[in-house]
Amino acid sequence: MTHRDIDEKLSLILKKYQDNFSEKVYADDFHASDVLMETFGITQELKSENKQFWGRQLGMCWQLLVVELCRNTCPGFGLAIRFGSDEPCDLLLGTDAIDTKYRIGSGDSGTLKKFKQYGDLLKEKGYRPVLLLLREDSLPAAMTACQTGGWSIYIGDSTFQYLKEKTGFDLCEWLSFHKDRQTFFINRR
């Protein structure tokens, strides 16, 4: 293979990535906030110090809030179900198998494959897979995988509406109440 042939093959790879990088659009989320962040007084500036940490912590907080709310208000509440070592949802409300997510930020093939598989698995067992997303900025590829897996997806306001219909409790209003009073604002020393 000549130097020119190698140059052409390597240039094709770089061109492919150049095109990919040029088409990549990042959401301007510096000013994007949500009611859970605001309840703690977390700014995007603070969150940007370690997005992975804050994303995981807010995600677990969101999950615990939804589970506890449903446990205490819904007669059809059930704990998460397991299929072997897999736990495809966080809780059950009747036939709704609910998975809570702060947002879906991972577009890796393993994550996408799980969303598809878990949706199919839950449907096979007679459940309706329901995904409750707090934020509205999840990755499009992840959303497509969830839809392909048959998940009923609720995002942002529709998530809070779903919860209000099921529980009779307005979680968004409750979080806003505490945000306005700064009840749970963090105090970093």
C-alpha atoms as a PDB file:
ATOM      1  CA  MET A   1       0.000   0.000   0.000  1.00  0.00           C
ATOM      2  CA  THR A   2       1.395   3.359  -0.961  1.00  0.00           C
ATOM      3  CA  HIS A   3       1.769   6.371   1.265  1.00  0.00           C
ATOM      4  CA  ARG A   4      -1.000   8.024  -0.756  1.00  0.00           C
ATOM      5  CA  ASP A   5      -3.368   5.042  -0.199  1.00  0.00           C
ATOM      6  CA  ILE A   6      -2.744   5.173   3.534  1.00  0.00           C
ATOM      7  CA  ASP A   7      -3.277   8.918   3.512  1.00  0.00           C
ATOM      8  CA  GLU A   8      -6.638   8.490   1.754  1.00  0.00           C
ATOM      9  CA  LYS A   9      -7.852   5.748   4.134  1.00  0.00           C
ATOM     10  CA  LEU A  10      -6.831   7.678   7.241  1.00  0.00           C
ATOM     11  CA  SER A  11      -8.287  10.877   5.813  1.00  0.00           C
ATOM     12  CA  LEU A  12     -11.647   9.123   5.324  1.00  0.00           C
ATOM     13  CA  ILE A  13     -11.716   8.292   9.024  1.00  0.00           C
ATOM     14  CA  LEU A  14     -10.877  11.858  10.013  1.00  0.00           C
ATOM     15  CA  LYS A  15     -13.467  13.213   7.568  1.00  0.00           C
ATOM     16  CA  LYS A  16     -16.143  10.975   9.061  1.00  0.00           C
ATOM     17  CA  TYR A  17     -15.383  12.302  12.545  1.00  0.00           C
ATOM     18  CA  GLN A  18     -15.103  15.850  11.298  1.00  0.00           C
ATOM     19  CA  ASP A  19     -18.612  15.577   9.886  1.00  0.00           C
ATOM     20  CA  ASN A  20     -19.880  13.924  13.080  1.00  0.00           C
ATOM     21  CA  PHE A  21     -18.315  16.595  15.305  1.00  0.00           C
ATOM     22  CA  SER A  22     -19.608  19.368  13.044  1.00  0.00           C
ATOM     23  CA  GLU A  23     -23.159  18.041  13.281  1.00  0.00           C
ATOM     24  CA  LYS A  24     -23.032  17.607  17.055  1.00  0.00           C
ATOM     25  CA  VAL A  25     -25.288  20.118  18.751  1.00  0.00           C
ATOM     26  CA  TYR A  26     -25.013  20.626  22.471  1.00  0.00           C
ATOM     27  CA  ALA A  27     -28.007  21.855  24.349  1.00  0.00           C
ATOM     28  CA  ASP A  28     -27.283  25.117  26.066  1.00  0.00           C
ATOM     29  CA  ASP A  29     -28.102  23.721  29.469  1.00  0.00           C
ATOM     30  CA  PHE A  30     -26.034  26.216  31.433  1.00  0.00           C
ATOM     31  CA  HIS A  31     -29.197  28.083  32.297  1.00  0.00           C
ATOM     32  CA  ALA A  32     -31.443  25.007  32.268  1.00  0.00           C
ATOM     33  CA  SER A  33     -32.748  24.161  35.679  1.00  0.00           C
ATOM     34  CA  ASP A  34     -35.480  22.024  37.145  1.00  0.00           C
ATOM     35  CA  VAL A  35     -37.664  22.096  40.214  1.00  0.00           C
ATOM     36  CA  LEU A  36     -35.554  19.508  42.066  1.00  0.00           C
ATOM     37  CA  MET A  37     -32.330  21.471  41.542  1.00  0.00           C
ATOM     38  CA  GLU A  38     -34.134  24.616  42.590  1.00  0.00           C
ATOM     39  CA  THR A  39     -35.473  22.933  45.739  1.00  0.00           C
ATOM     40  CA  PHE A  40     -31.868  22.558  46.893  1.00  0.00           C
ATOM     41  CA  GLY A  41     -30.726  25.896  45.459  1.00  0.00           C
ATOM     42  CA  ILE A  42     -28.380  24.105  43.073  1.00  0.00           C
ATOM     43  CA  THR A  43     -27.274  26.330  40.217  1.00  0.00           C
ATOM     44  CA  GLN A  44     -25.916  25.177  36.868  1.00  0.00           C
ATOM     45  CA  GLU A  45     -22.617  26.743  37.890  1.00  0.00           C
ATOM     46  CA  LEU A  46     -22.455  24.496  40.954  1.00  0.00           C
ATOM     47  CA  LYS A  47     -23.711  21.490  39.018  1.00  0.00           C
ATOM     48  CA  SER A  48     -21.074  21.988  36.330  1.00  0.00           C
ATOM     49  CA  GLU A  49     -18.346  21.425  38.937  1.00  0.00           C
ATOM     50  CA  ASN A  50     -19.188  17.717  38.776  1.00  0.00           C
ATOM     51  CA  LYS A  51     -22.157  16.933  36.542  1.00  0.00           C
ATOM     52  CA  GLN A  52     -21.892  13.185  37.065  1.00  0.00           C
ATOM     53  CA  PHE A  53     -22.051  13.527  40.867  1.00  0.00           C
ATOM     54  CA  TRP A  54     -25.017  15.901  40.816  1.00  0.00           C
ATOM     55  CA  GLY A  55     -26.829  13.897  38.147  1.00  0.00           C
ATOM     56  CA  ARG A  56     -26.529  10.682  40.151  1.00  0.00           C
ATOM     57  CA  GLN A  57     -27.469  12.304  43.442  1.00  0.00           C
ATOM     58  CA  LEU A  58     -30.468  14.128  42.003  1.00  0.00           C
ATOM     59  CA  GLY A  59     -31.485  10.947  40.184  1.00  0.00           C
ATOM     60  CA  MET A  60     -31.470   8.884  43.367  1.00  0.00           C
ATOM     61  CA  CYS A  61     -33.303  11.638  45.245  1.00  0.00           C
ATOM     62  CA  TRP A  62     -35.949  11.722  42.482  1.00  0.00           C
ATOM     63  CA  GLN A  63     -36.361   7.946  42.648  1.00  0.00           C
ATOM     64  CA  LEU A  64     -36.718   7.934  46.438  1.00  0.00           C
ATOM     65  CA  LEU A  65     -39.265  10.787  46.371  1.00  0.00           C
ATOM     66  CA  VAL A  66     -41.449   9.028  43.790  1.00  0.00           C
ATOM     67  CA  VAL A  67     -41.241   5.631  45.514  1.00  0.00           C
ATOM     68  CA  GLU A  68     -42.051   7.080  48.941  1.00  0.00           C
ATOM     69  CA  LEU A  69     -44.922   9.191  47.586  1.00  0.00           C
ATOM     70  CA  CYS A  70     -46.468   6.195  45.833  1.00  0.00           C
ATOM     71  CA  ARG A  71     -45.860   3.854  48.787  1.00  0.00           C
ATOM     72  CA  ASN A  72     -47.874   6.184  51.015  1.00  0.00           C
ATOM     73  CA  THR A  73     -50.695   7.143  48.660  1.00  0.00           C
ATOM     74  CA  CYS A  74     -51.375   4.295  46.235  1.00  0.00           C
ATOM     75  CA  PRO A  75     -53.164   1.085  47.232  1.00  0.00           C
ATOM     76  CA  GLY A  76     -51.689  -0.710  44.190  1.00  0.00           C
ATOM     77  CA  PHE A  77     -48.101   0.063  45.210  1.00  0.00           C
ATOM     78  CA  GLY A  78     -45.512  -2.670  44.891  1.00  0.00           C
ATOM     79  CA  LEU A  79     -41.748  -2.757  45.262  1.00  0.00           C
ATOM     80  CA  ALA A  80     -39.441  -3.106  42.297  1.00  0.00           C
ATOM     81  CA  ILE A  81     -39.401  -6.529  40.698  1.00  0.00           C
ATOM     82  CA  ARG A  82     -36.314  -8.507  39.796  1.00  0.00           C
ATOM     83  CA  PHE A  83     -35.649 -10.854  36.934  1.00  0.00           C
ATOM     84  CA  GLY A  84     -32.457 -12.591  37.986  1.00  0.00           C
ATOM     85  CA  SER A  85     -29.994  -9.809  38.719  1.00  0.00           C
ATOM     86  CA  ASP A  86     -31.939  -7.277  36.631  1.00  0.00           C
ATOM     87  CA  GLU A  87     -34.255  -4.717  38.171  1.00  0.00           C
ATOM     88  CA  PRO A  88     -36.032  -3.128  35.205  1.00  0.00           C
ATOM     89  CA  CYS A  89     -38.207  -0.769  37.252  1.00  0.00           C
ATOM     90  CA  ASP A  90     -38.240   1.070  40.575  1.00  0.00           C
ATOM     91  CA  LEU A  91     -41.807   0.362  41.644  1.00  0.00           C
ATOM     92  CA  LEU A  92     -45.162  -1.015  40.599  1.00  0.00           C
ATOM     93  CA  LEU A  93     -48.515   0.741  40.596  1.00  0.00           C
ATOM     94  CA  GLY A  94     -51.014  -1.916  39.641  1.00  0.00           C
ATOM     95  CA  THR A  95     -49.877  -3.068  36.213  1.00  0.00           C
ATOM     96  CA  ASP A  96     -47.660  -0.004  35.649  1.00  0.00           C
ATOM     97  CA  ALA A  97     -44.001  -0.930  36.085  1.00  0.00           C
ATOM     98  CA  ILE A  98     -42.419   2.449  36.729  1.00  0.00           C
ATOM     99  CA  ASP A  99     -38.802   3.374  36.222  1.00  0.00           C
ATOM    100  CA  THR A 100     -37.811   6.826  37.425  1.00  0.00           C
ATOM    101  CA  LYS A 101     -35.025   8.811  35.811  1.00  0.00           C
ATOM    102  CA  TYR A 102     -33.784  12.308  36.482  1.00  0.00           C
ATOM    103  CA  ARG A 103     -32.679  12.298  32.839  1.00  0.00           C
ATOM    104  CA  ILE A 104     -31.175   9.770  30.463  1.00  0.00           C
ATOM    105  CA  GLY A 105     -27.705  10.960  29.636  1.00  0.00           C
ATOM    106  CA  SER A 106     -26.122   7.755  28.469  1.00  0.00           C
ATOM    107  CA  GLY A 107     -26.346   6.754  24.862  1.00  0.00           C
ATOM    108  CA  ASP A 108     -23.968   3.813  25.052  1.00  0.00           C
ATOM    109  CA  SER A 109     -25.129   0.670  23.310  1.00  0.00           C
ATOM    110  CA  GLY A 110     -25.398  -1.347  26.549  1.00  0.00           C
ATOM    111  CA  THR A 111     -27.752   1.169  28.140  1.00  0.00           C
ATOM    112  CA  LEU A 112     -29.886   1.439  25.019  1.00  0.00           C
ATOM    113  CA  LYS A 113     -30.078  -2.338  24.711  1.00  0.00           C
ATOM    114  CA  LYS A 114     -31.273  -2.631  28.334  1.00  0.00           C
ATOM    115  CA  PHE A 115     -34.087  -0.144  27.792  1.00  0.00           C
ATOM    116  CA  LYS A 116     -35.314  -2.153  24.824  1.00  0.00           C
ATOM    117  CA  GLN A 117     -34.953  -5.501  26.620  1.00  0.00           C
ATOM    118  CA  TYR A 118     -36.500  -4.337  29.887  1.00  0.00           C
ATOM    119  CA  GLY A 119     -39.543  -2.930  28.126  1.00  0.00           C
ATOM    120  CA  ASP A 120     -40.101  -6.194  26.282  1.00  0.00           C
ATOM    121  CA  LEU A 121     -39.526  -8.238  29.456  1.00  0.00           C
ATOM    122  CA  LEU A 122     -42.024  -6.199  31.464  1.00  0.00           C
ATOM    123  CA  LYS A 123     -44.655  -6.453  28.715  1.00  0.00           C
ATOM    124  CA  GLU A 124     -44.155 -10.232  28.525  1.00  0.00           C
ATOM    125  CA  LYS A 125     -44.953 -10.398  32.248  1.00  0.00           C
ATOM    126  CA  GLY A 126     -48.158  -8.381  31.803  1.00  0.00           C
ATOM    127  CA  TYR A 127     -46.882  -4.976  32.922  1.00  0.00           C
ATOM    128  CA  ARG A 128     -47.030  -1.627  31.186  1.00  0.00           C
ATOM    129  CA  PRO A 129     -43.508  -0.137  31.221  1.00  0.00           C
ATOM    130  CA  VAL A 130     -43.692   3.494  32.363  1.00  0.00           C
ATOM    131  CA  LEU A 131     -40.754   5.876  32.396  1.00  0.00           C
ATOM    132  CA  LEU A 132     -41.022   8.998  34.558  1.00  0.00           C
ATOM    133  CA  LEU A 133     -38.394  11.559  33.533  1.00  0.00           C
ATOM    134  CA  LEU A 134     -37.989  14.741  35.541  1.00  0.00           C
ATOM    135  CA  ARG A 135     -35.828  16.675  33.073  1.00  0.00           C
ATOM    136  CA  GLU A 136     -36.606  17.343  29.439  1.00  0.00           C
ATOM    137  CA  ASP A 137     -33.065  17.097  28.063  1.00  0.00           C
ATOM    138  CA  SER A 138     -32.503  13.352  27.695  1.00  0.00           C
ATOM    139  CA  LEU A 139     -30.509  12.029  24.766  1.00  0.00           C
ATOM    140  CA  PRO A 140     -32.651  11.428  21.658  1.00  0.00           C
ATOM    141  CA  ALA A 141     -31.059   7.998  21.019  1.00  0.00           C
ATOM    142  CA  ALA A 142     -32.017   6.898  24.518  1.00  0.00           C
ATOM    143  CA  MET A 143     -35.585   8.131  24.069  1.00  0.00           C
ATOM    144  CA  THR A 144     -35.836   6.208  20.800  1.00  0.00           C
ATOM    145  CA  ALA A 145     -34.587   3.034  22.508  1.00  0.00           C
ATOM    146  CA  CYS A 146     -37.212   3.424  25.225  1.00  0.00           C
ATOM    147  CA  GLN A 147     -39.966   3.946  22.676  1.00  0.00           C
ATOM    148  CA  THR A 148     -38.749   0.910  20.720  1.00  0.00           C
ATOM    149  CA  GLY A 149     -38.920  -1.082  23.960  1.00  0.00           C
ATOM    150  CA  GLY A 150     -42.564  -0.084  24.385  1.00  0.00           C
ATOM    151  CA  TRP A 151     -42.145   2.306  27.313  1.00  0.00           C
ATOM    152  CA  SER A 152     -44.860   4.873  27.995  1.00  0.00           C
ATOM    153  CA  ILE A 153     -42.742   7.972  28.512  1.00  0.00           C
ATOM    154  CA  TYR A 154     -43.678  10.939  30.662  1.00  0.00           C
ATOM    155  CA  ILE A 155     -41.366  13.954  30.708  1.00  0.00           C
ATOM    156  CA  GLY A 156     -41.309  17.088  32.865  1.00  0.00           C
ATOM    157  CA  ASP A 157     -44.826  18.434  33.403  1.00  0.00           C
ATOM    158  CA  SER A 158     -46.450  15.241  32.121  1.00  0.00           C
ATOM    159  CA  THR A 159     -44.481  13.270  34.734  1.00  0.00           C
ATOM    160  CA  PHE A 160     -45.847  15.455  37.506  1.00  0.00           C
ATOM    161  CA  GLN A 161     -49.361  15.203  36.042  1.00  0.00           C
ATOM    162  CA  TYR A 162     -49.108  11.387  35.931  1.00  0.00           C
ATOM    163  CA  LEU A 163     -47.999  11.332  39.578  1.00  0.00           C
ATOM    164  CA  LYS A 164     -50.771  13.716  40.625  1.00  0.00           C
ATOM    165  CA  GLU A 165     -53.402  11.555  38.905  1.00  0.00           C
ATOM    166  CA  LYS A 166     -52.074   8.391  40.560  1.00  0.00           C
ATOM    167  CA  THR A 167     -51.378   9.778  44.033  1.00  0.00           C
ATOM    168  CA  GLY A 168     -53.673  12.777  44.470  1.00  0.00           C
ATOM    169  CA  PHE A 169     -50.580  14.727  45.555  1.00  0.00           C
ATOM    170  CA  ASP A 170     -48.978  17.548  43.558  1.00  0.00           C
ATOM    171  CA  LEU A 171     -45.281  16.778  43.944  1.00  0.00           C
ATOM    172  CA  CYS A 172     -44.239  19.677  41.707  1.00  0.00           C
ATOM    173  CA  GLU A 173     -46.221  22.138  43.821  1.00  0.00           C
ATOM    174  CA  TRP A 174     -44.742  20.637  47.001  1.00  0.00           C
ATOM    175  CA  LEU A 175     -41.185  20.959  45.686  1.00  0.00           C
ATOM    176  CA  SER A 176     -41.893  24.533  44.563  1.00  0.00           C
ATOM    177  CA  PHE A 177     -43.264  25.351  48.014  1.00  0.00           C
ATOM    178  CA  HIS A 178     -39.990  24.238  49.593  1.00  0.00           C
ATOM    179  CA  LYS A 179     -37.949  25.979  46.905  1.00  0.00           C
ATOM    180  CA  ASP A 180     -39.725  29.275  47.608  1.00  0.00           C
ATOM    181  CA  ARG A 181     -39.082  28.912  51.343  1.00  0.00           C
ATOM    182  CA  GLN A 182     -35.521  27.669  50.778  1.00  0.00           C
ATOM    183  CA  THR A 183     -36.275  24.861  53.226  1.00  0.00           C
ATOM    184  CA  PHE A 184     -33.685  22.497  51.771  1.00  0.00           C
ATOM    185  CA  PHE A 185     -31.150  24.871  50.258  1.00  0.00           C
ATOM    186  CA  ILE A 186     -27.704  23.383  50.584  1.00  0.00           C
ATOM    187  CA  ASN A 187     -25.132  25.102  52.737  1.00  0.00           C
ATOM    188  CA  ARG A 188     -21.648  24.538  51.378  1.00  0.00           C
ATOM    189  CA  ARG A 189     -18.984  25.584  53.795  1.00  0.00           C
END
